[in-house]
Amino acid sequence: MHLNWLGQTCVKLQTKNLKDEDVVILIDPYRPEKGDFPRSFSPQVALFSAGDTNAVTLSQGPFVIDTPGECEVKDTMIYAMPGPDDTVVFKIGSESLNIVHLGRLNKKMNTETIAKLGSPDILFIPVGGEKNKTLSAEDAAATVTALEPRIVIPIAFQCDTDPKADPVSDFIKTLGLKPEATDKKFIIKKKDLPQEETKLMILEKNY
């Protein structure tokens, strides 16, 4: 599976279905107020954690999920669960990997939601803390502790499209883990997951 961070809470997953066909899942493709961001995408699946208002153009008629529920799309299981303040958090199952994307989460989750999410193989967590739109470094670190993911990937930190957000260094310092690597793309298979400890991976903004 190929993972890319595109800025803000936007993430692109490129996975394979049972027919060995590529499936692109795009999460939170919202148009930023400033900075460099594509005007359109052509994913097979689009997920929105805070409704589809202010989304960029999506061509080719993707399957869209922006409300709580669960479904299977192109051999990928997607669970959309209610989060605080009418947001949605996502649990995605593909290639035997359990991926959780916390969208625009801005406060700690309740124990019921944490239990439903389980222990993710990969956790995308918003850490920028800007204007109460995403988690602070402290709340993000506490959420990582609660979920115990194998790999944690911070998103929504400071970049050209989100200049007022906190830098990722604040989260790294609070979490207390040394990043395994910093790269523009992360390719992962089930067999490559750490077996015991949680590892931190930093993605540079890339599309």
N, C-alpha and C. Protein backbone atom coordinates (compact mmCIF):
# COMPACT_ATOMS: atom_id res chain seq x y z
N MET A 1 0.84 -1.19 0.00
CA MET A 1 0.00 0.00 0.00
C MET A 1 0.88 1.25 0.00
N HIS A 2 0.49 2.25 -0.82
CA HIS A 2 1.21 3.50 -0.91
C HIS A 2 0.44 4.58 -0.14
N LEU A 3 1.14 5.33 0.69
CA LEU A 3 0.52 6.35 1.51
C LEU A 3 1.17 7.70 1.21
N ASN A 4 0.35 8.73 0.98
CA ASN A 4 0.84 10.08 0.75
C ASN A 4 0.04 11.07 1.58
N TRP A 5 0.74 12.08 2.13
CA TRP A 5 0.08 13.19 2.81
C TRP A 5 0.11 14.39 1.88
N LEU A 6 -1.05 15.02 1.66
CA LEU A 6 -1.16 16.11 0.69
C LEU A 6 -1.32 17.47 1.35
N GLY A 7 -1.18 17.55 2.67
CA GLY A 7 -1.40 18.79 3.40
C GLY A 7 -2.72 18.75 4.14
N GLN A 8 -2.84 19.59 5.20
CA GLN A 8 -4.03 19.59 6.07
C GLN A 8 -4.31 18.16 6.57
N THR A 9 -5.55 17.71 6.45
CA THR A 9 -5.87 16.33 6.85
C THR A 9 -6.03 15.43 5.62
N CYS A 10 -5.57 15.88 4.47
CA CYS A 10 -5.76 15.13 3.23
C CYS A 10 -4.69 14.04 3.06
N VAL A 11 -5.16 12.83 2.85
CA VAL A 11 -4.28 11.66 2.68
C VAL A 11 -4.76 10.87 1.47
N LYS A 12 -3.80 10.36 0.70
CA LYS A 12 -4.12 9.48 -0.43
C LYS A 12 -3.58 8.09 -0.17
N LEU A 13 -4.45 7.10 -0.26
CA LEU A 13 -4.07 5.70 -0.13
C LEU A 13 -4.20 5.04 -1.50
N GLN A 14 -3.17 4.34 -1.93
CA GLN A 14 -3.25 3.56 -3.16
C GLN A 14 -3.08 2.10 -2.78
N THR A 15 -4.15 1.34 -2.94
CA THR A 15 -4.16 -0.04 -2.50
C THR A 15 -4.53 -0.96 -3.67
N LYS A 16 -4.55 -2.24 -3.41
CA LYS A 16 -4.91 -3.23 -4.43
C LYS A 16 -6.18 -3.96 -4.00
N ASN A 17 -7.08 -4.21 -4.97
CA ASN A 17 -8.23 -5.04 -4.65
C ASN A 17 -7.91 -6.50 -4.96
N LEU A 18 -8.90 -7.37 -4.82
CA LEU A 18 -8.66 -8.81 -4.99
C LEU A 18 -8.32 -9.19 -6.43
N LYS A 19 -8.62 -8.29 -7.37
CA LYS A 19 -8.28 -8.52 -8.77
C LYS A 19 -6.91 -7.93 -9.11
N ASP A 20 -6.19 -7.47 -8.09
CA ASP A 20 -4.88 -6.85 -8.25
C ASP A 20 -4.97 -5.54 -9.03
N GLU A 21 -6.11 -4.87 -8.95
CA GLU A 21 -6.28 -3.56 -9.58
C GLU A 21 -5.99 -2.47 -8.56
N ASP A 22 -5.41 -1.37 -9.03
CA ASP A 22 -5.15 -0.24 -8.14
C ASP A 22 -6.46 0.46 -7.76
N VAL A 23 -6.58 0.78 -6.48
CA VAL A 23 -7.73 1.53 -5.98
C VAL A 23 -7.19 2.72 -5.19
N VAL A 24 -7.59 3.93 -5.59
CA VAL A 24 -7.15 5.14 -4.91
C VAL A 24 -8.26 5.62 -3.98
N ILE A 25 -7.91 5.76 -2.71
CA ILE A 25 -8.83 6.27 -1.70
C ILE A 25 -8.31 7.63 -1.25
N LEU A 26 -9.12 8.65 -1.41
CA LEU A 26 -8.72 10.01 -1.05
C LEU A 26 -9.52 10.45 0.17
N ILE A 27 -8.82 10.92 1.19
CA ILE A 27 -9.47 11.32 2.44
C ILE A 27 -9.29 12.83 2.63
N ASP A 28 -10.39 13.53 2.85
CA ASP A 28 -10.41 14.96 3.16
C ASP A 28 -9.75 15.84 2.09
N PRO A 29 -10.19 15.75 0.84
CA PRO A 29 -9.62 16.64 -0.19
C PRO A 29 -10.30 18.02 -0.18
N TYR A 30 -10.08 18.76 0.89
CA TYR A 30 -10.66 20.10 1.01
C TYR A 30 -9.75 21.15 0.39
N ARG A 31 -10.37 22.14 -0.23
CA ARG A 31 -9.62 23.22 -0.88
C ARG A 31 -9.05 24.17 0.19
N PRO A 32 -7.74 24.33 0.26
CA PRO A 32 -7.17 25.24 1.26
C PRO A 32 -7.31 26.70 0.85
N GLU A 33 -7.21 27.60 1.82
CA GLU A 33 -7.31 29.03 1.53
C GLU A 33 -6.06 29.55 0.83
N LYS A 34 -4.93 28.90 1.05
CA LYS A 34 -3.67 29.35 0.46
C LYS A 34 -2.78 28.16 0.23
N GLY A 35 -1.66 28.39 -0.44
CA GLY A 35 -0.70 27.33 -0.66
C GLY A 35 -0.97 26.52 -1.91
N ASP A 36 -0.16 25.51 -2.14
CA ASP A 36 -0.18 24.72 -3.36
C ASP A 36 -0.96 23.43 -3.14
N PHE A 37 -2.01 23.24 -3.94
CA PHE A 37 -2.87 22.06 -3.79
C PHE A 37 -3.56 21.80 -5.12
N PRO A 38 -3.73 20.53 -5.52
CA PRO A 38 -4.39 20.24 -6.80
C PRO A 38 -5.82 20.78 -6.86
N ARG A 39 -6.26 21.12 -8.05
CA ARG A 39 -7.63 21.61 -8.23
C ARG A 39 -8.62 20.46 -8.39
N SER A 40 -8.11 19.28 -8.74
CA SER A 40 -9.02 18.15 -8.96
C SER A 40 -8.29 16.83 -8.72
N PHE A 41 -9.08 15.79 -8.48
CA PHE A 41 -8.57 14.43 -8.31
C PHE A 41 -9.50 13.46 -9.02
N SER A 42 -9.01 12.23 -9.23
CA SER A 42 -9.85 11.19 -9.84
C SER A 42 -9.73 9.89 -9.02
N PRO A 43 -10.14 9.92 -7.76
CA PRO A 43 -10.06 8.70 -6.95
C PRO A 43 -11.24 7.77 -7.23
N GLN A 44 -11.11 6.52 -6.81
CA GLN A 44 -12.25 5.62 -6.87
C GLN A 44 -13.16 5.79 -5.65
N VAL A 45 -12.56 6.21 -4.53
CA VAL A 45 -13.30 6.40 -3.29
C VAL A 45 -12.85 7.71 -2.65
N ALA A 46 -13.82 8.51 -2.16
CA ALA A 46 -13.51 9.77 -1.47
C ALA A 46 -14.20 9.77 -0.12
N LEU A 47 -13.44 10.06 0.93
CA LEU A 47 -13.97 10.10 2.29
C LEU A 47 -13.82 11.52 2.84
N PHE A 48 -14.88 11.99 3.50
CA PHE A 48 -14.87 13.34 4.07
C PHE A 48 -15.21 13.27 5.55
N SER A 49 -14.34 13.85 6.37
CA SER A 49 -14.56 13.79 7.81
C SER A 49 -15.43 14.94 8.32
N ALA A 50 -15.64 15.97 7.49
CA ALA A 50 -16.44 17.12 7.92
C ALA A 50 -17.36 17.60 6.80
N GLY A 51 -18.03 16.67 6.12
CA GLY A 51 -18.90 17.02 5.01
C GLY A 51 -18.10 17.36 3.76
N ASP A 52 -18.79 17.51 2.63
CA ASP A 52 -18.08 17.74 1.38
C ASP A 52 -18.07 19.21 0.94
N THR A 53 -18.47 20.12 1.84
CA THR A 53 -18.40 21.54 1.53
C THR A 53 -16.94 21.97 1.36
N ASN A 54 -16.69 22.76 0.34
CA ASN A 54 -15.35 23.27 0.03
C ASN A 54 -14.38 22.17 -0.41
N ALA A 55 -14.92 21.12 -1.00
CA ALA A 55 -14.06 20.07 -1.55
C ALA A 55 -13.56 20.48 -2.93
N VAL A 56 -12.41 19.97 -3.32
CA VAL A 56 -11.93 20.19 -4.68
C VAL A 56 -12.77 19.35 -5.64
N THR A 57 -12.58 19.55 -6.92
CA THR A 57 -13.33 18.80 -7.93
C THR A 57 -12.89 17.35 -7.94
N LEU A 58 -13.87 16.44 -7.92
CA LEU A 58 -13.61 15.01 -7.99
C LEU A 58 -14.24 14.48 -9.27
N SER A 59 -13.40 14.02 -10.20
CA SER A 59 -13.91 13.51 -11.48
C SER A 59 -14.02 12.00 -11.45
N GLN A 60 -14.61 11.43 -12.49
CA GLN A 60 -14.77 9.99 -12.67
C GLN A 60 -15.77 9.37 -11.70
N GLY A 61 -16.59 10.18 -11.03
CA GLY A 61 -17.67 9.66 -10.20
C GLY A 61 -17.25 8.73 -9.08
N PRO A 62 -16.41 9.18 -8.15
CA PRO A 62 -15.98 8.30 -7.06
C PRO A 62 -17.11 7.97 -6.10
N PHE A 63 -16.95 6.88 -5.37
CA PHE A 63 -17.87 6.52 -4.29
C PHE A 63 -17.54 7.41 -3.10
N VAL A 64 -18.52 8.17 -2.62
CA VAL A 64 -18.28 9.18 -1.58
C VAL A 64 -18.93 8.75 -0.26
N ILE A 65 -18.17 8.90 0.84
CA ILE A 65 -18.69 8.64 2.18
C ILE A 65 -18.40 9.87 3.03
N ASP A 66 -19.45 10.49 3.59
CA ASP A 66 -19.26 11.65 4.45
C ASP A 66 -20.16 11.63 5.67
N THR A 67 -20.80 10.48 5.93
CA THR A 67 -21.64 10.32 7.11
C THR A 67 -21.33 8.97 7.76
N PRO A 68 -21.66 8.79 9.03
CA PRO A 68 -21.38 7.51 9.70
C PRO A 68 -22.09 6.34 9.03
N GLY A 69 -21.42 5.21 9.03
CA GLY A 69 -21.96 3.99 8.45
C GLY A 69 -20.81 3.05 8.10
N GLU A 70 -21.11 1.94 7.45
CA GLU A 70 -20.06 1.02 7.02
C GLU A 70 -20.43 0.41 5.69
N CYS A 71 -19.43 0.14 4.89
CA CYS A 71 -19.68 -0.47 3.59
C CYS A 71 -18.39 -1.09 3.07
N GLU A 72 -18.53 -1.91 2.05
CA GLU A 72 -17.39 -2.48 1.35
C GLU A 72 -17.35 -1.91 -0.05
N VAL A 73 -16.24 -1.31 -0.43
CA VAL A 73 -16.09 -0.70 -1.74
C VAL A 73 -14.82 -1.23 -2.37
N LYS A 74 -14.95 -1.88 -3.52
CA LYS A 74 -13.79 -2.41 -4.24
C LYS A 74 -12.88 -3.24 -3.33
N ASP A 75 -13.51 -4.13 -2.57
CA ASP A 75 -12.81 -5.06 -1.66
C ASP A 75 -12.15 -4.38 -0.47
N THR A 76 -12.52 -3.14 -0.22
CA THR A 76 -12.02 -2.41 0.94
C THR A 76 -13.16 -2.15 1.91
N MET A 77 -12.98 -2.55 3.17
CA MET A 77 -13.98 -2.28 4.20
C MET A 77 -13.75 -0.89 4.78
N ILE A 78 -14.80 -0.11 4.84
CA ILE A 78 -14.71 1.25 5.38
C ILE A 78 -15.76 1.43 6.47
N TYR A 79 -15.30 1.80 7.64
CA TYR A 79 -16.18 2.10 8.77
C TYR A 79 -16.06 3.59 9.06
N ALA A 80 -17.17 4.31 8.94
CA ALA A 80 -17.20 5.73 9.26
C ALA A 80 -17.94 5.89 10.59
N MET A 81 -17.24 6.42 11.58
CA MET A 81 -17.79 6.51 12.93
C MET A 81 -17.93 7.96 13.35
N PRO A 82 -18.99 8.28 14.11
CA PRO A 82 -19.16 9.67 14.55
C PRO A 82 -18.07 10.10 15.51
N GLY A 83 -17.52 11.28 15.26
CA GLY A 83 -16.54 11.89 16.14
C GLY A 83 -17.12 13.13 16.78
N PRO A 84 -16.34 13.88 17.56
CA PRO A 84 -16.85 15.09 18.20
C PRO A 84 -17.25 16.15 17.18
N ASP A 85 -18.22 16.99 17.58
CA ASP A 85 -18.62 18.16 16.78
C ASP A 85 -19.00 17.80 15.35
N ASP A 86 -19.77 16.73 15.21
CA ASP A 86 -20.31 16.32 13.90
C ASP A 86 -19.24 15.93 12.89
N THR A 87 -18.08 15.55 13.35
CA THR A 87 -17.05 15.05 12.45
C THR A 87 -17.17 13.54 12.32
N VAL A 88 -16.40 12.97 11.41
CA VAL A 88 -16.39 11.53 11.18
C VAL A 88 -14.94 11.04 11.25
N VAL A 89 -14.73 9.90 11.89
CA VAL A 89 -13.42 9.26 11.87
C VAL A 89 -13.56 7.95 11.10
N PHE A 90 -12.48 7.54 10.46
CA PHE A 90 -12.56 6.40 9.55
C PHE A 90 -11.64 5.26 9.97
N LYS A 91 -12.16 4.04 9.79
CA LYS A 91 -11.37 2.83 9.95
C LYS A 91 -11.46 2.08 8.62
N ILE A 92 -10.31 1.80 8.03
CA ILE A 92 -10.24 1.25 6.68
C ILE A 92 -9.48 -0.07 6.71
N GLY A 93 -10.06 -1.10 6.12
CA GLY A 93 -9.40 -2.40 6.05
C GLY A 93 -9.09 -2.78 4.62
N SER A 94 -7.79 -2.91 4.31
CA SER A 94 -7.38 -3.27 2.95
C SER A 94 -6.00 -3.90 3.00
N GLU A 95 -5.74 -4.88 2.16
CA GLU A 95 -4.45 -5.58 2.11
C GLU A 95 -4.05 -6.11 3.49
N SER A 96 -5.05 -6.54 4.25
CA SER A 96 -4.85 -7.08 5.61
C SER A 96 -4.31 -6.04 6.59
N LEU A 97 -4.41 -4.76 6.22
CA LEU A 97 -3.98 -3.67 7.08
C LEU A 97 -5.20 -2.95 7.66
N ASN A 98 -5.10 -2.57 8.92
CA ASN A 98 -6.14 -1.80 9.59
C ASN A 98 -5.65 -0.36 9.73
N ILE A 99 -6.28 0.55 8.98
CA ILE A 99 -5.84 1.95 8.94
C ILE A 99 -6.92 2.83 9.56
N VAL A 100 -6.52 3.72 10.45
CA VAL A 100 -7.44 4.67 11.07
C VAL A 100 -7.02 6.08 10.71
N HIS A 101 -7.99 6.88 10.26
CA HIS A 101 -7.77 8.29 9.94
C HIS A 101 -8.74 9.09 10.82
N LEU A 102 -8.20 9.96 11.66
CA LEU A 102 -9.03 10.67 12.63
C LEU A 102 -9.56 12.00 12.11
N GLY A 103 -9.39 12.27 10.82
CA GLY A 103 -10.01 13.42 10.20
C GLY A 103 -9.68 14.73 10.89
N ARG A 104 -10.71 15.51 11.18
CA ARG A 104 -10.53 16.81 11.83
C ARG A 104 -10.83 16.73 13.33
N LEU A 105 -10.43 15.65 13.92
CA LEU A 105 -10.64 15.48 15.36
C LEU A 105 -9.95 16.61 16.12
N ASN A 106 -10.70 17.25 17.04
CA ASN A 106 -10.13 18.38 17.77
C ASN A 106 -10.20 18.23 19.28
N LYS A 107 -10.64 17.06 19.74
CA LYS A 107 -10.66 16.79 21.17
C LYS A 107 -10.58 15.28 21.38
N LYS A 108 -10.28 14.89 22.59
CA LYS A 108 -10.13 13.47 22.87
C LYS A 108 -11.43 12.72 22.60
N MET A 109 -11.31 11.49 22.09
CA MET A 109 -12.47 10.66 21.82
C MET A 109 -12.96 9.98 23.09
N ASN A 110 -14.23 9.59 23.09
CA ASN A 110 -14.75 8.84 24.24
C ASN A 110 -14.27 7.39 24.17
N THR A 111 -14.42 6.70 25.26
CA THR A 111 -13.92 5.32 25.35
C THR A 111 -14.64 4.39 24.39
N GLU A 112 -15.90 4.68 24.07
CA GLU A 112 -16.65 3.82 23.14
C GLU A 112 -16.05 3.88 21.74
N THR A 113 -15.74 5.08 21.27
CA THR A 113 -15.14 5.21 19.94
C THR A 113 -13.75 4.59 19.91
N ILE A 114 -12.97 4.79 20.95
CA ILE A 114 -11.64 4.19 21.03
C ILE A 114 -11.72 2.68 20.94
N ALA A 115 -12.70 2.09 21.63
CA ALA A 115 -12.87 0.64 21.61
C ALA A 115 -13.25 0.15 20.22
N LYS A 116 -14.09 0.90 19.52
CA LYS A 116 -14.51 0.50 18.16
C LYS A 116 -13.36 0.58 17.17
N LEU A 117 -12.48 1.55 17.35
CA LEU A 117 -11.34 1.70 16.44
C LEU A 117 -10.30 0.61 16.65
N GLY A 118 -10.24 0.07 17.88
CA GLY A 118 -9.28 -0.99 18.16
C GLY A 118 -7.85 -0.47 18.16
N SER A 119 -6.91 -1.34 17.87
CA SER A 119 -5.50 -0.96 17.81
C SER A 119 -5.07 -0.93 16.34
N PRO A 120 -4.97 0.25 15.75
CA PRO A 120 -4.68 0.34 14.31
C PRO A 120 -3.28 -0.14 13.96
N ASP A 121 -3.14 -0.67 12.75
CA ASP A 121 -1.80 -0.91 12.22
C ASP A 121 -1.15 0.43 11.88
N ILE A 122 -1.95 1.33 11.28
CA ILE A 122 -1.47 2.66 10.89
C ILE A 122 -2.49 3.69 11.35
N LEU A 123 -2.01 4.72 12.05
CA LEU A 123 -2.88 5.78 12.55
C LEU A 123 -2.46 7.12 11.96
N PHE A 124 -3.39 7.76 11.22
CA PHE A 124 -3.20 9.13 10.77
C PHE A 124 -3.89 10.05 11.78
N ILE A 125 -3.12 10.93 12.40
CA ILE A 125 -3.66 11.75 13.48
C ILE A 125 -3.34 13.22 13.28
N PRO A 126 -4.36 14.12 13.35
CA PRO A 126 -4.12 15.55 13.15
C PRO A 126 -3.51 16.16 14.40
N VAL A 127 -2.38 16.86 14.25
CA VAL A 127 -1.62 17.30 15.42
C VAL A 127 -1.37 18.81 15.46
N GLY A 128 -1.89 19.56 14.48
CA GLY A 128 -1.52 20.98 14.35
C GLY A 128 -2.13 21.92 15.35
N GLY A 129 -3.28 21.53 15.96
CA GLY A 129 -3.88 22.33 17.01
C GLY A 129 -4.35 23.72 16.61
N GLU A 130 -4.54 23.97 15.31
CA GLU A 130 -4.86 25.33 14.87
C GLU A 130 -6.32 25.68 15.09
N LYS A 131 -6.59 26.76 15.84
CA LYS A 131 -7.94 27.30 16.04
C LYS A 131 -8.94 26.23 16.46
N ASN A 132 -8.49 25.30 17.26
CA ASN A 132 -9.34 24.20 17.74
C ASN A 132 -9.89 23.33 16.61
N LYS A 133 -9.22 23.37 15.43
CA LYS A 133 -9.66 22.55 14.30
C LYS A 133 -9.08 21.14 14.37
N THR A 134 -7.95 21.01 15.02
CA THR A 134 -7.32 19.69 15.16
C THR A 134 -6.75 19.55 16.56
N LEU A 135 -6.23 18.37 16.87
CA LEU A 135 -5.73 18.09 18.21
C LEU A 135 -4.47 18.89 18.53
N SER A 136 -4.33 19.25 19.79
CA SER A 136 -3.07 19.80 20.26
C SER A 136 -2.05 18.67 20.34
N ALA A 137 -0.79 19.02 20.44
CA ALA A 137 0.25 17.99 20.56
C ALA A 137 0.00 17.09 21.77
N GLU A 138 -0.44 17.68 22.88
CA GLU A 138 -0.68 16.91 24.10
C GLU A 138 -1.85 15.94 23.93
N ASP A 139 -2.97 16.42 23.36
CA ASP A 139 -4.12 15.54 23.17
C ASP A 139 -3.84 14.47 22.11
N ALA A 140 -3.05 14.84 21.10
CA ALA A 140 -2.68 13.86 20.08
C ALA A 140 -1.83 12.74 20.68
N ALA A 141 -0.87 13.11 21.52
CA ALA A 141 -0.01 12.11 22.15
C ALA A 141 -0.83 11.19 23.06
N ALA A 142 -1.80 11.76 23.78
CA ALA A 142 -2.66 10.94 24.64
C ALA A 142 -3.52 9.99 23.82
N THR A 143 -3.95 10.44 22.65
CA THR A 143 -4.76 9.58 21.77
C THR A 143 -3.93 8.43 21.23
N VAL A 144 -2.68 8.69 20.88
CA VAL A 144 -1.78 7.62 20.43
C VAL A 144 -1.61 6.59 21.54
N THR A 145 -1.44 7.05 22.76
CA THR A 145 -1.30 6.13 23.89
C THR A 145 -2.54 5.27 24.07
N ALA A 146 -3.72 5.88 23.87
CA ALA A 146 -4.98 5.15 24.04
C ALA A 146 -5.20 4.10 22.95
N LEU A 147 -4.81 4.41 21.71
CA LEU A 147 -5.07 3.52 20.57
C LEU A 147 -3.95 2.48 20.35
N GLU A 148 -2.75 2.79 20.77
CA GLU A 148 -1.61 1.87 20.63
C GLU A 148 -1.42 1.38 19.20
N PRO A 149 -1.27 2.28 18.24
CA PRO A 149 -1.04 1.85 16.85
C PRO A 149 0.35 1.28 16.68
N ARG A 150 0.55 0.51 15.60
CA ARG A 150 1.89 0.03 15.29
C ARG A 150 2.72 1.12 14.61
N ILE A 151 2.07 1.91 13.76
CA ILE A 151 2.74 3.03 13.11
C ILE A 151 1.84 4.26 13.24
N VAL A 152 2.39 5.38 13.69
CA VAL A 152 1.63 6.62 13.78
C VAL A 152 2.21 7.63 12.79
N ILE A 153 1.32 8.26 12.02
CA ILE A 153 1.71 9.25 11.03
C ILE A 153 0.95 10.54 11.32
N PRO A 154 1.64 11.59 11.78
CA PRO A 154 0.96 12.86 12.04
C PRO A 154 0.58 13.58 10.75
N ILE A 155 -0.56 14.28 10.79
CA ILE A 155 -1.02 15.09 9.67
C ILE A 155 -1.53 16.43 10.21
N ALA A 156 -1.87 17.34 9.31
CA ALA A 156 -2.44 18.65 9.68
C ALA A 156 -1.48 19.50 10.50
N PHE A 157 -0.19 19.28 10.33
CA PHE A 157 0.77 20.17 10.97
C PHE A 157 1.18 21.27 9.98
N GLN A 158 2.05 22.14 10.39
CA GLN A 158 2.40 23.33 9.62
C GLN A 158 2.98 22.99 8.24
N CYS A 159 2.41 23.62 7.21
CA CYS A 159 2.92 23.52 5.84
C CYS A 159 2.42 24.74 5.09
N ASP A 160 2.67 24.82 3.79
CA ASP A 160 2.32 26.04 3.06
C ASP A 160 0.82 26.27 2.98
N THR A 161 0.02 25.22 3.02
CA THR A 161 -1.44 25.38 3.00
C THR A 161 -2.03 25.52 4.39
N ASP A 162 -1.23 25.36 5.42
CA ASP A 162 -1.70 25.46 6.80
C ASP A 162 -0.61 26.13 7.65
N PRO A 163 -0.23 27.38 7.30
CA PRO A 163 0.92 28.03 7.93
C PRO A 163 0.73 28.37 9.41
N LYS A 164 -0.52 28.45 9.87
CA LYS A 164 -0.77 28.81 11.26
C LYS A 164 -0.80 27.60 12.19
N ALA A 165 -0.74 26.42 11.62
CA ALA A 165 -0.72 25.21 12.45
C ALA A 165 0.62 25.07 13.15
N ASP A 166 0.64 24.30 14.23
CA ASP A 166 1.89 24.06 14.96
C ASP A 166 2.81 23.17 14.13
N PRO A 167 4.12 23.33 14.25
CA PRO A 167 5.05 22.46 13.53
C PRO A 167 5.02 21.04 14.08
N VAL A 168 5.38 20.09 13.26
CA VAL A 168 5.34 18.69 13.68
C VAL A 168 6.32 18.42 14.80
N SER A 169 7.34 19.25 14.93
CA SER A 169 8.33 19.06 15.99
C SER A 169 7.69 19.12 17.38
N ASP A 170 6.62 19.92 17.54
CA ASP A 170 5.93 19.98 18.83
C ASP A 170 5.35 18.62 19.20
N PHE A 171 4.73 17.96 18.22
CA PHE A 171 4.15 16.64 18.47
C PHE A 171 5.23 15.60 18.73
N ILE A 172 6.30 15.65 17.95
CA ILE A 172 7.40 14.69 18.13
C ILE A 172 7.96 14.78 19.55
N LYS A 173 8.17 16.00 20.00
CA LYS A 173 8.73 16.21 21.34
C LYS A 173 7.77 15.70 22.42
N THR A 174 6.48 15.98 22.26
CA THR A 174 5.49 15.56 23.25
C THR A 174 5.31 14.05 23.26
N LEU A 175 5.29 13.45 22.08
CA LEU A 175 5.11 12.00 21.98
C LEU A 175 6.31 11.25 22.53
N GLY A 176 7.49 11.81 22.34
CA GLY A 176 8.69 11.19 22.88
C GLY A 176 9.23 10.03 22.07
N LEU A 177 8.89 9.99 20.78
CA LEU A 177 9.41 8.95 19.89
C LEU A 177 10.27 9.59 18.81
N LYS A 178 11.37 8.96 18.49
CA LYS A 178 12.22 9.43 17.40
C LYS A 178 11.65 8.91 16.08
N PRO A 179 11.44 9.79 15.09
CA PRO A 179 10.90 9.33 13.81
C PRO A 179 11.80 8.27 13.16
N GLU A 180 11.17 7.25 12.62
CA GLU A 180 11.91 6.21 11.92
C GLU A 180 12.49 6.74 10.61
N ALA A 181 11.71 7.59 9.95
CA ALA A 181 12.15 8.15 8.68
C ALA A 181 11.25 9.32 8.32
N THR A 182 11.74 10.19 7.44
CA THR A 182 10.94 11.26 6.87
C THR A 182 11.02 11.14 5.36
N ASP A 183 9.86 11.03 4.72
CA ASP A 183 9.86 10.80 3.28
C ASP A 183 8.61 11.38 2.66
N LYS A 184 8.56 11.43 1.32
CA LYS A 184 7.39 11.95 0.62
C LYS A 184 6.34 10.87 0.36
N LYS A 185 6.75 9.63 0.44
CA LYS A 185 5.80 8.52 0.23
C LYS A 185 6.19 7.38 1.15
N PHE A 186 5.17 6.67 1.64
CA PHE A 186 5.42 5.54 2.52
C PHE A 186 4.76 4.31 1.90
N ILE A 187 5.55 3.28 1.65
CA ILE A 187 5.03 2.03 1.10
C ILE A 187 5.12 0.97 2.18
N ILE A 188 4.01 0.31 2.47
CA ILE A 188 3.96 -0.62 3.60
C ILE A 188 3.18 -1.88 3.23
N LYS A 189 3.64 -3.01 3.73
CA LYS A 189 2.93 -4.28 3.64
C LYS A 189 2.73 -4.82 5.04
N LYS A 190 1.79 -5.71 5.19
CA LYS A 190 1.47 -6.26 6.51
C LYS A 190 2.71 -6.86 7.18
N LYS A 191 3.53 -7.53 6.41
CA LYS A 191 4.69 -8.22 6.99
C LYS A 191 5.75 -7.24 7.50
N ASP A 192 5.65 -5.97 7.08
CA ASP A 192 6.65 -4.98 7.47
C ASP A 192 6.31 -4.25 8.76
N LEU A 193 5.14 -4.52 9.31
CA LEU A 193 4.72 -3.80 10.52
C LEU A 193 5.58 -4.18 11.72
N PRO A 194 5.86 -3.21 12.59
CA PRO A 194 6.54 -3.56 13.85
C PRO A 194 5.64 -4.45 14.69
N GLN A 195 6.20 -5.38 15.39
CA GLN A 195 5.41 -6.37 16.12
C GLN A 195 5.07 -5.98 17.54
N GLU A 196 5.86 -5.10 18.14
CA GLU A 196 5.62 -4.77 19.55
C GLU A 196 5.47 -3.27 19.78
N GLU A 197 6.53 -2.50 19.48
CA GLU A 197 6.51 -1.09 19.80
C GLU A 197 5.78 -0.27 18.73
N THR A 198 5.39 0.94 19.12
CA THR A 198 4.84 1.90 18.17
C THR A 198 5.98 2.66 17.51
N LYS A 199 5.91 2.80 16.18
CA LYS A 199 6.92 3.56 15.45
C LYS A 199 6.29 4.81 14.85
N LEU A 200 7.08 5.88 14.79
CA LEU A 200 6.64 7.17 14.26
C LEU A 200 7.23 7.40 12.88
N MET A 201 6.35 7.73 11.92
CA MET A 201 6.76 8.00 10.56
C MET A 201 6.30 9.41 10.18
N ILE A 202 7.20 10.21 9.66
CA ILE A 202 6.84 11.58 9.23
C ILE A 202 6.79 11.62 7.71
N LEU A 203 5.66 12.07 7.18
CA LEU A 203 5.51 12.25 5.74
C LEU A 203 5.61 13.72 5.40
N GLU A 204 6.39 14.03 4.37
CA GLU A 204 6.42 15.39 3.85
C GLU A 204 5.22 15.59 2.94
N LYS A 205 4.72 16.80 2.88
CA LYS A 205 3.59 17.10 1.99
C LYS A 205 3.98 16.74 0.55
N ASN A 206 3.11 15.95 -0.11
CA ASN A 206 3.46 15.44 -1.43
C ASN A 206 2.19 15.00 -2.17
N TYR A 207 2.07 15.43 -3.42
CA TYR A 207 0.96 14.95 -4.25
C TYR A 207 1.41 14.81 -5.68
